[in-house]
């Protein structure tokens, strides 16, 4: 019984870092995709609207990664 309580207390003391791993992995994958597309296409992203979309997605992924890093720290 005491062992179960200690295990439960230890699990509650350390939050899961799964959200950070997912957000950080998504940000890293997005960076690789942007790099590959940018190197293959000289006019990437093409229009101002697409450029804003790329910046928006990049910003959201960055903020999500930073927030989950702080929350799960």
PDB file of N, CA and C in Angstrom:
ATOM      1  N   UNK A   1       0.823  -1.193   0.000  1.00  0.00           N
ATOM      2  CA  UNK A   1       0.000   0.000   0.000  1.00  0.00           C
ATOM      3  C   UNK A   1       0.863   1.250   0.000  1.00  0.00           C
ATOM      4  N   UNK A   2       1.882   1.281   0.839  1.00  0.00           N
ATOM      5  CA  UNK A   2       2.760   2.450   0.903  1.00  0.00           C
ATOM      6  C   UNK A   2       3.496   2.626  -0.423  1.00  0.00           C
ATOM      7  N   UNK A   3       3.923   1.524  -1.012  1.00  0.00           N
ATOM      8  CA  UNK A   3       4.619   1.587  -2.298  1.00  0.00           C
ATOM      9  C   UNK A   3       3.726   2.198  -3.380  1.00  0.00           C
ATOM     10  N   UNK A   4       2.473   1.820  -3.391  1.00  0.00           N
ATOM     11  CA  UNK A   4       1.527   2.364  -4.371  1.00  0.00           C
ATOM     12  C   UNK A   4       1.340   3.855  -4.174  1.00  0.00           C
ATOM     13  N   UNK A   5       1.286   4.304  -2.931  1.00  0.00           N
ATOM     14  CA  UNK A   5       1.153   5.737  -2.659  1.00  0.00           C
ATOM     15  C   UNK A   5       2.397   6.503  -3.091  1.00  0.00           C
ATOM     16  N   UNK A   6       3.570   5.928  -2.879  1.00  0.00           N
ATOM     17  CA  UNK A   6       4.810   6.583  -3.306  1.00  0.00           C
ATOM     18  C   UNK A   6       4.889   6.689  -4.825  1.00  0.00           C
ATOM     19  N   UNK A   7       4.484   5.644  -5.514  1.00  0.00           N
ATOM     20  CA  UNK A   7       4.482   5.665  -6.973  1.00  0.00           C
ATOM     21  C   UNK A   7       3.493   6.709  -7.479  1.00  0.00           C
ATOM     22  N   UNK A   8       2.320   6.766  -6.877  1.00  0.00           N
ATOM     23  CA  UNK A   8       1.310   7.743  -7.264  1.00  0.00           C
ATOM     24  C   UNK A   8       1.811   9.161  -7.016  1.00  0.00           C
ATOM     25  N   UNK A   9       2.455   9.395  -5.894  1.00  0.00           N
ATOM     26  CA  UNK A   9       2.992  10.726  -5.585  1.00  0.00           C
ATOM     27  C   UNK A   9       4.096  11.108  -6.561  1.00  0.00           C
ATOM     28  N   UNK A  10       4.928  10.173  -6.935  1.00  0.00           N
ATOM     29  CA  UNK A  10       6.002  10.456  -7.879  1.00  0.00           C
ATOM     30  C   UNK A  10       5.451  10.785  -9.259  1.00  0.00           C
ATOM     31  N   UNK A  11       4.388  10.101  -9.659  1.00  0.00           N
ATOM     32  CA  UNK A  11       3.790  10.372 -10.959  1.00  0.00           C
ATOM     33  C   UNK A  11       3.141  11.746 -10.993  1.00  0.00           C
ATOM     34  N   UNK A  12       2.552  12.173  -9.897  1.00  0.00           N
ATOM     35  CA  UNK A  12       1.926  13.479  -9.839  1.00  0.00           C
ATOM     36  C   UNK A  12       2.960  14.583  -9.748  1.00  0.00           C
ATOM     37  N   UNK A  13       4.115  14.322  -9.195  1.00  0.00           N
ATOM     38  CA  UNK A  13       5.138  15.344  -9.030  1.00  0.00           C
ATOM     39  C   UNK A  13       5.788  15.712 -10.357  1.00  0.00           C
ATOM     40  N   UNK A  14       5.860  14.789 -11.284  1.00  0.00           N
ATOM     41  CA  UNK A  14       6.509  15.055 -12.570  1.00  0.00           C
ATOM     42  C   UNK A  14       5.461  15.000 -13.688  1.00  0.00           C
ATOM     43  N   UNK A  15       5.154  16.164 -14.284  1.00  0.00           N
ATOM     44  CA  UNK A  15       4.139  16.178 -15.344  1.00  0.00           C
ATOM     45  C   UNK A  15       4.646  15.474 -16.609  1.00  0.00           C
ATOM     46  N   UNK A  16       3.715  14.987 -17.387  1.00  0.00           N
ATOM     47  CA  UNK A  16       4.058  14.308 -18.630  1.00  0.00           C
ATOM     48  C   UNK A  16       4.596  15.314 -19.648  1.00  0.00           C
ATOM     49  N   UNK A  17       5.642  14.938 -20.337  1.00  0.00           N
ATOM     50  CA  UNK A  17       6.249  15.800 -21.330  1.00  0.00           C
ATOM     51  C   UNK A  17       5.805  15.447 -22.754  1.00  0.00           C
ATOM     52  N   UNK A  18       4.777  14.631 -22.869  1.00  0.00           N
ATOM     53  CA  UNK A  18       4.308  14.182 -24.177  1.00  0.00           C
ATOM     54  C   UNK A  18       3.881  15.347 -25.055  1.00  0.00           C
ATOM     55  N   UNK A  19       3.189  16.322 -24.491  1.00  0.00           N
ATOM     56  CA  UNK A  19       2.740  17.478 -25.277  1.00  0.00           C
ATOM     57  C   UNK A  19       3.936  18.236 -25.854  1.00  0.00           C
ATOM     58  N   UNK A  20       4.983  18.399 -25.059  1.00  0.00           N
ATOM     59  CA  UNK A  20       6.178  19.080 -25.555  1.00  0.00           C
ATOM     60  C   UNK A  20       6.847  18.287 -26.670  1.00  0.00           C
ATOM     61  N   UNK A  21       6.924  16.980 -26.507  1.00  0.00           N
ATOM     62  CA  UNK A  21       7.544  16.153 -27.548  1.00  0.00           C
ATOM     63  C   UNK A  21       6.770  16.243 -28.855  1.00  0.00           C
ATOM     64  N   UNK A  22       5.457  16.275 -28.773  1.00  0.00           N
ATOM     65  CA  UNK A  22       4.639  16.377 -29.981  1.00  0.00           C
ATOM     66  C   UNK A  22       4.809  17.744 -30.628  1.00  0.00           C
ATOM     67  N   UNK A  23       4.706  18.807 -29.840  1.00  0.00           N
ATOM     68  CA  UNK A  23       4.836  20.165 -30.397  1.00  0.00           C
ATOM     69  C   UNK A  23       6.249  20.427 -30.910  1.00  0.00           C
ATOM     70  N   UNK A  24       7.235  20.003 -30.160  1.00  0.00           N
ATOM     71  CA  UNK A  24       8.618  20.195 -30.595  1.00  0.00           C
ATOM     72  C   UNK A  24       8.930  19.397 -31.849  1.00  0.00           C
ATOM     73  N   UNK A  25       8.423  18.175 -31.923  1.00  0.00           N
ATOM     74  CA  UNK A  25       8.613  17.351 -33.119  1.00  0.00           C
ATOM     75  C   UNK A  25       7.914  17.947 -34.326  1.00  0.00           C
ATOM     76  N   UNK A  26       6.712  18.481 -34.121  1.00  0.00           N
ATOM     77  CA  UNK A  26       5.987  19.125 -35.223  1.00  0.00           C
ATOM     78  C   UNK A  26       6.734  20.363 -35.715  1.00  0.00           C
ATOM     79  N   UNK A  27       7.293  21.133 -34.792  1.00  0.00           N
ATOM     80  CA  UNK A  27       8.070  22.319 -35.182  1.00  0.00           C
ATOM     81  C   UNK A  27       9.320  21.914 -35.952  1.00  0.00           C
ATOM     82  N   UNK A  28      10.006  20.895 -35.512  1.00  0.00           N
ATOM     83  CA  UNK A  28      11.207  20.425 -36.211  1.00  0.00           C
ATOM     84  C   UNK A  28      10.860  19.893 -37.601  1.00  0.00           C
ATOM     85  N   UNK A  29       9.778  19.125 -37.696  1.00  0.00           N
ATOM     86  CA  UNK A  29       9.353  18.600 -38.998  1.00  0.00           C
ATOM     87  C   UNK A  29       8.957  19.739 -39.937  1.00  0.00           C
ATOM     88  N   UNK A  30       8.258  20.740 -39.404  1.00  0.00           N
ATOM     89  CA  UNK A  30       7.872  21.910 -40.207  1.00  0.00           C
ATOM     90  C   UNK A  30       9.118  22.632 -40.727  1.00  0.00           C
ATOM     91  N   UNK A  31      10.136  22.762 -39.904  1.00  0.00           N
ATOM     92  CA  UNK A  31      11.370  23.424 -40.326  1.00  0.00           C
ATOM     93  C   UNK A  31      12.055  22.646 -41.450  1.00  0.00           C
ATOM     94  N   UNK A  32      12.063  21.330 -41.352  1.00  0.00           N
ATOM     95  CA  UNK A  32      12.672  20.506 -42.406  1.00  0.00           C
ATOM     96  C   UNK A  32      11.885  20.643 -43.705  1.00  0.00           C
ATOM     97  N   UNK A  33      10.568  20.594 -43.609  1.00  0.00           N
ATOM     98  CA  UNK A  33       9.728  20.735 -44.810  1.00  0.00           C
ATOM     99  C   UNK A  33       9.939  22.102 -45.439  1.00  0.00           C
ATOM    100  N   UNK A  34       9.964  23.151 -44.633  1.00  0.00           N
ATOM    101  CA  UNK A  34      10.199  24.495 -45.176  1.00  0.00           C
ATOM    102  C   UNK A  34      11.561  24.593 -45.842  1.00  0.00           C
ATOM    103  N   UNK A  35      12.557  23.996 -45.227  1.00  0.00           N
ATOM    104  CA  UNK A  35      13.891  24.011 -45.820  1.00  0.00           C
ATOM    105  C   UNK A  35      13.929  23.305 -47.161  1.00  0.00           C
ATOM    106  N   UNK A  36      13.327  22.144 -47.238  1.00  0.00           N
ATOM    107  CA  UNK A  36      13.313  21.391 -48.493  1.00  0.00           C
ATOM    108  C   UNK A  36      12.536  22.122 -49.588  1.00  0.00           C
ATOM    109  N   UNK A  37      11.366  22.612 -49.247  1.00  0.00           N
ATOM    110  CA  UNK A  37      10.555  23.325 -50.236  1.00  0.00           C
ATOM    111  C   UNK A  37      11.244  24.623 -50.648  1.00  0.00           C
ATOM    112  N   UNK A  38      11.815  25.321 -49.702  1.00  0.00           N
ATOM    113  CA  UNK A  38      12.501  26.578 -50.001  1.00  0.00           C
ATOM    114  C   UNK A  38      13.716  26.393 -50.883  1.00  0.00           C
ATOM    115  N   UNK A  39      14.430  25.300 -50.702  1.00  0.00           N
ATOM    116  CA  UNK A  39      15.602  25.040 -51.540  1.00  0.00           C
ATOM    117  C   UNK A  39      15.218  24.607 -52.952  1.00  0.00           C
ATOM    118  N   UNK A  40      14.091  23.950 -53.088  1.00  0.00           N
ATOM    119  CA  UNK A  40      13.670  23.443 -54.399  1.00  0.00           C
ATOM    120  C   UNK A  40      12.919  24.488 -55.215  1.00  0.00           C
ATOM    121  N   UNK A  41      12.309  25.456 -54.570  1.00  0.00           N
ATOM    122  CA  UNK A  41      11.486  26.434 -55.268  1.00  0.00           C
ATOM    123  C   UNK A  41      12.040  27.841 -55.034  1.00  0.00           C
ATOM    124  N   UNK A  42      12.601  28.466 -56.070  1.00  0.00           N
ATOM    125  CA  UNK A  42      13.216  29.785 -55.883  1.00  0.00           C
ATOM    126  C   UNK A  42      12.215  30.886 -55.536  1.00  0.00           C
ATOM    127  N   UNK A  43      10.957  30.725 -55.900  1.00  0.00           N
ATOM    128  CA  UNK A  43       9.967  31.764 -55.610  1.00  0.00           C
ATOM    129  C   UNK A  43       9.085  31.426 -54.396  1.00  0.00           C
ATOM    130  N   UNK A  44       9.538  30.506 -53.545  1.00  0.00           N
ATOM    131  CA  UNK A  44       8.774  30.127 -52.365  1.00  0.00           C
ATOM    132  C   UNK A  44       8.693  31.289 -51.400  1.00  0.00           C
ATOM    133  N   UNK A  45       7.605  31.606 -50.823  1.00  0.00           N
ATOM    134  CA  UNK A  45       6.291  30.997 -50.883  1.00  0.00           C
ATOM    135  C   UNK A  45       5.419  31.522 -52.021  1.00  0.00           C
ATOM    136  N   UNK A  46       5.880  32.452 -52.792  1.00  0.00           N
ATOM    137  CA  UNK A  46       5.144  32.873 -53.980  1.00  0.00           C
ATOM    138  C   UNK A  46       4.360  34.146 -53.785  1.00  0.00           C
ATOM    139  N   UNK A  47       3.335  34.112 -52.964  1.00  0.00           N
ATOM    140  CA  UNK A  47       2.505  35.296 -52.767  1.00  0.00           C
ATOM    141  C   UNK A  47       2.608  35.781 -51.325  1.00  0.00           C
ATOM    142  N   UNK A  48       2.127  36.986 -51.132  1.00  0.00           N
ATOM    143  CA  UNK A  48       2.156  37.560 -49.784  1.00  0.00           C
ATOM    144  C   UNK A  48       1.243  36.779 -48.835  1.00  0.00           C
ATOM    145  N   UNK A  49       0.132  36.301 -49.337  1.00  0.00           N
ATOM    146  CA  UNK A  49      -0.792  35.512 -48.513  1.00  0.00           C
ATOM    147  C   UNK A  49      -0.173  34.208 -48.051  1.00  0.00           C
ATOM    148  N   UNK A  50       0.537  33.551 -48.951  1.00  0.00           N
ATOM    149  CA  UNK A  50       1.199  32.296 -48.566  1.00  0.00           C
ATOM    150  C   UNK A  50       2.319  32.558 -47.572  1.00  0.00           C
ATOM    151  N   UNK A  51       3.026  33.669 -47.767  1.00  0.00           N
ATOM    152  CA  UNK A  51       4.099  34.018 -46.830  1.00  0.00           C
ATOM    153  C   UNK A  51       3.534  34.235 -45.429  1.00  0.00           C
ATOM    154  N   UNK A  52       2.398  34.906 -45.362  1.00  0.00           N
ATOM    155  CA  UNK A  52       1.761  35.124 -44.059  1.00  0.00           C
ATOM    156  C   UNK A  52       1.281  33.812 -43.454  1.00  0.00           C
ATOM    157  N   UNK A  53       0.794  32.910 -44.293  1.00  0.00           N
ATOM    158  CA  UNK A  53       0.371  31.594 -43.806  1.00  0.00           C
ATOM    159  C   UNK A  53       1.534  30.809 -43.228  1.00  0.00           C
ATOM    160  N   UNK A  54       2.667  30.835 -43.922  1.00  0.00           N
ATOM    161  CA  UNK A  54       3.862  30.138 -43.426  1.00  0.00           C
ATOM    162  C   UNK A  54       4.317  30.745 -42.106  1.00  0.00           C
ATOM    163  N   UNK A  55       4.297  32.078 -42.022  1.00  0.00           N
ATOM    164  CA  UNK A  55       4.698  32.738 -40.779  1.00  0.00           C
ATOM    165  C   UNK A  55       3.724  32.422 -39.646  1.00  0.00           C
ATOM    166  N   UNK A  56       2.433  32.361 -39.956  1.00  0.00           N
ATOM    167  CA  UNK A  56       1.432  32.057 -38.939  1.00  0.00           C
ATOM    168  C   UNK A  56       1.618  30.641 -38.401  1.00  0.00           C
ATOM    169  N   UNK A  57       1.766  29.682 -39.296  1.00  0.00           N
ATOM    170  CA  UNK A  57       1.964  28.295 -38.863  1.00  0.00           C
ATOM    171  C   UNK A  57       3.249  28.169 -38.048  1.00  0.00           C
ATOM    172  N   UNK A  58       4.309  28.811 -38.513  1.00  0.00           N
ATOM    173  CA  UNK A  58       5.584  28.758 -37.788  1.00  0.00           C
ATOM    174  C   UNK A  58       5.454  29.374 -36.400  1.00  0.00           C
ATOM    175  N   UNK A  59       4.773  30.502 -36.322  1.00  0.00           N
ATOM    176  CA  UNK A  59       4.577  31.168 -35.025  1.00  0.00           C
ATOM    177  C   UNK A  59       3.749  30.345 -34.065  1.00  0.00           C
ATOM    178  N   UNK A  60       2.678  29.753 -34.563  1.00  0.00           N
ATOM    179  CA  UNK A  60       1.816  28.924 -33.705  1.00  0.00           C
ATOM    180  C   UNK A  60       2.591  27.718 -33.184  1.00  0.00           C
ATOM    181  N   UNK A  61       3.353  27.060 -34.062  1.00  0.00           N
ATOM    182  CA  UNK A  61       4.143  25.905 -33.619  1.00  0.00           C
ATOM    183  C   UNK A  61       5.214  26.313 -32.610  1.00  0.00           C
ATOM    184  N   UNK A  62       5.822  27.483 -32.819  1.00  0.00           N
ATOM    185  CA  UNK A  62       6.853  27.952 -31.899  1.00  0.00           C
ATOM    186  C   UNK A  62       6.262  28.269 -30.525  1.00  0.00           C
ATOM    187  N   UNK A  63       5.143  28.988 -30.511  1.00  0.00           N
ATOM    188  CA  UNK A  63       4.510  29.342 -29.238  1.00  0.00           C
ATOM    189  C   UNK A  63       4.022  28.085 -28.510  1.00  0.00           C
ATOM    190  N   UNK A  64       3.468  27.130 -29.260  1.00  0.00           N
ATOM    191  CA  UNK A  64       3.006  25.891 -28.646  1.00  0.00           C
ATOM    192  C   UNK A  64       4.174  25.117 -28.038  1.00  0.00           C
ATOM    193  N   UNK A  65       5.284  25.069 -28.743  1.00  0.00           N
ATOM    194  CA  UNK A  65       6.466  24.361 -28.222  1.00  0.00           C
ATOM    195  C   UNK A  65       6.998  25.056 -26.969  1.00  0.00           C
ATOM    196  N   UNK A  66       7.073  26.367 -27.007  1.00  0.00           N
ATOM    197  CA  UNK A  66       7.574  27.106 -25.831  1.00  0.00           C
ATOM    198  C   UNK A  66       6.629  26.949 -24.648  1.00  0.00           C
ATOM    199  N   UNK A  67       5.333  27.045 -24.897  1.00  0.00           N
ATOM    200  CA  UNK A  67       4.371  26.948 -23.799  1.00  0.00           C
ATOM    201  C   UNK A  67       4.391  25.564 -23.169  1.00  0.00           C
ATOM    202  N   UNK A  68       4.424  24.530 -23.992  1.00  0.00           N
ATOM    203  CA  UNK A  68       4.448  23.178 -23.423  1.00  0.00           C
ATOM    204  C   UNK A  68       5.768  22.888 -22.721  1.00  0.00           C
ATOM    205  N   UNK A  69       6.845  23.501 -23.178  1.00  0.00           N
ATOM    206  CA  UNK A  69       8.124  23.332 -22.477  1.00  0.00           C
ATOM    207  C   UNK A  69       8.073  23.938 -21.083  1.00  0.00           C
ATOM    208  N   UNK A  70       7.471  25.116 -20.965  1.00  0.00           N
ATOM    209  CA  UNK A  70       7.382  25.769 -19.659  1.00  0.00           C
ATOM    210  C   UNK A  70       6.373  25.050 -18.759  1.00  0.00           C
ATOM    211  N   UNK A  71       5.246  24.651 -19.322  1.00  0.00           N
ATOM    212  CA  UNK A  71       4.209  23.999 -18.524  1.00  0.00           C
ATOM    213  C   UNK A  71       4.676  22.649 -17.976  1.00  0.00           C
ATOM    214  N   UNK A  72       5.412  21.900 -18.784  1.00  0.00           N
ATOM    215  CA  UNK A  72       5.843  20.561 -18.348  1.00  0.00           C
ATOM    216  C   UNK A  72       7.205  20.545 -17.678  1.00  0.00           C
ATOM    217  N   UNK A  73       7.792  21.699 -17.477  1.00  0.00           N
ATOM    218  CA  UNK A  73       9.121  21.756 -16.866  1.00  0.00           C
ATOM    219  C   UNK A  73       9.086  21.379 -15.405  1.00  0.00           C
TER     220      UNK A  73
END
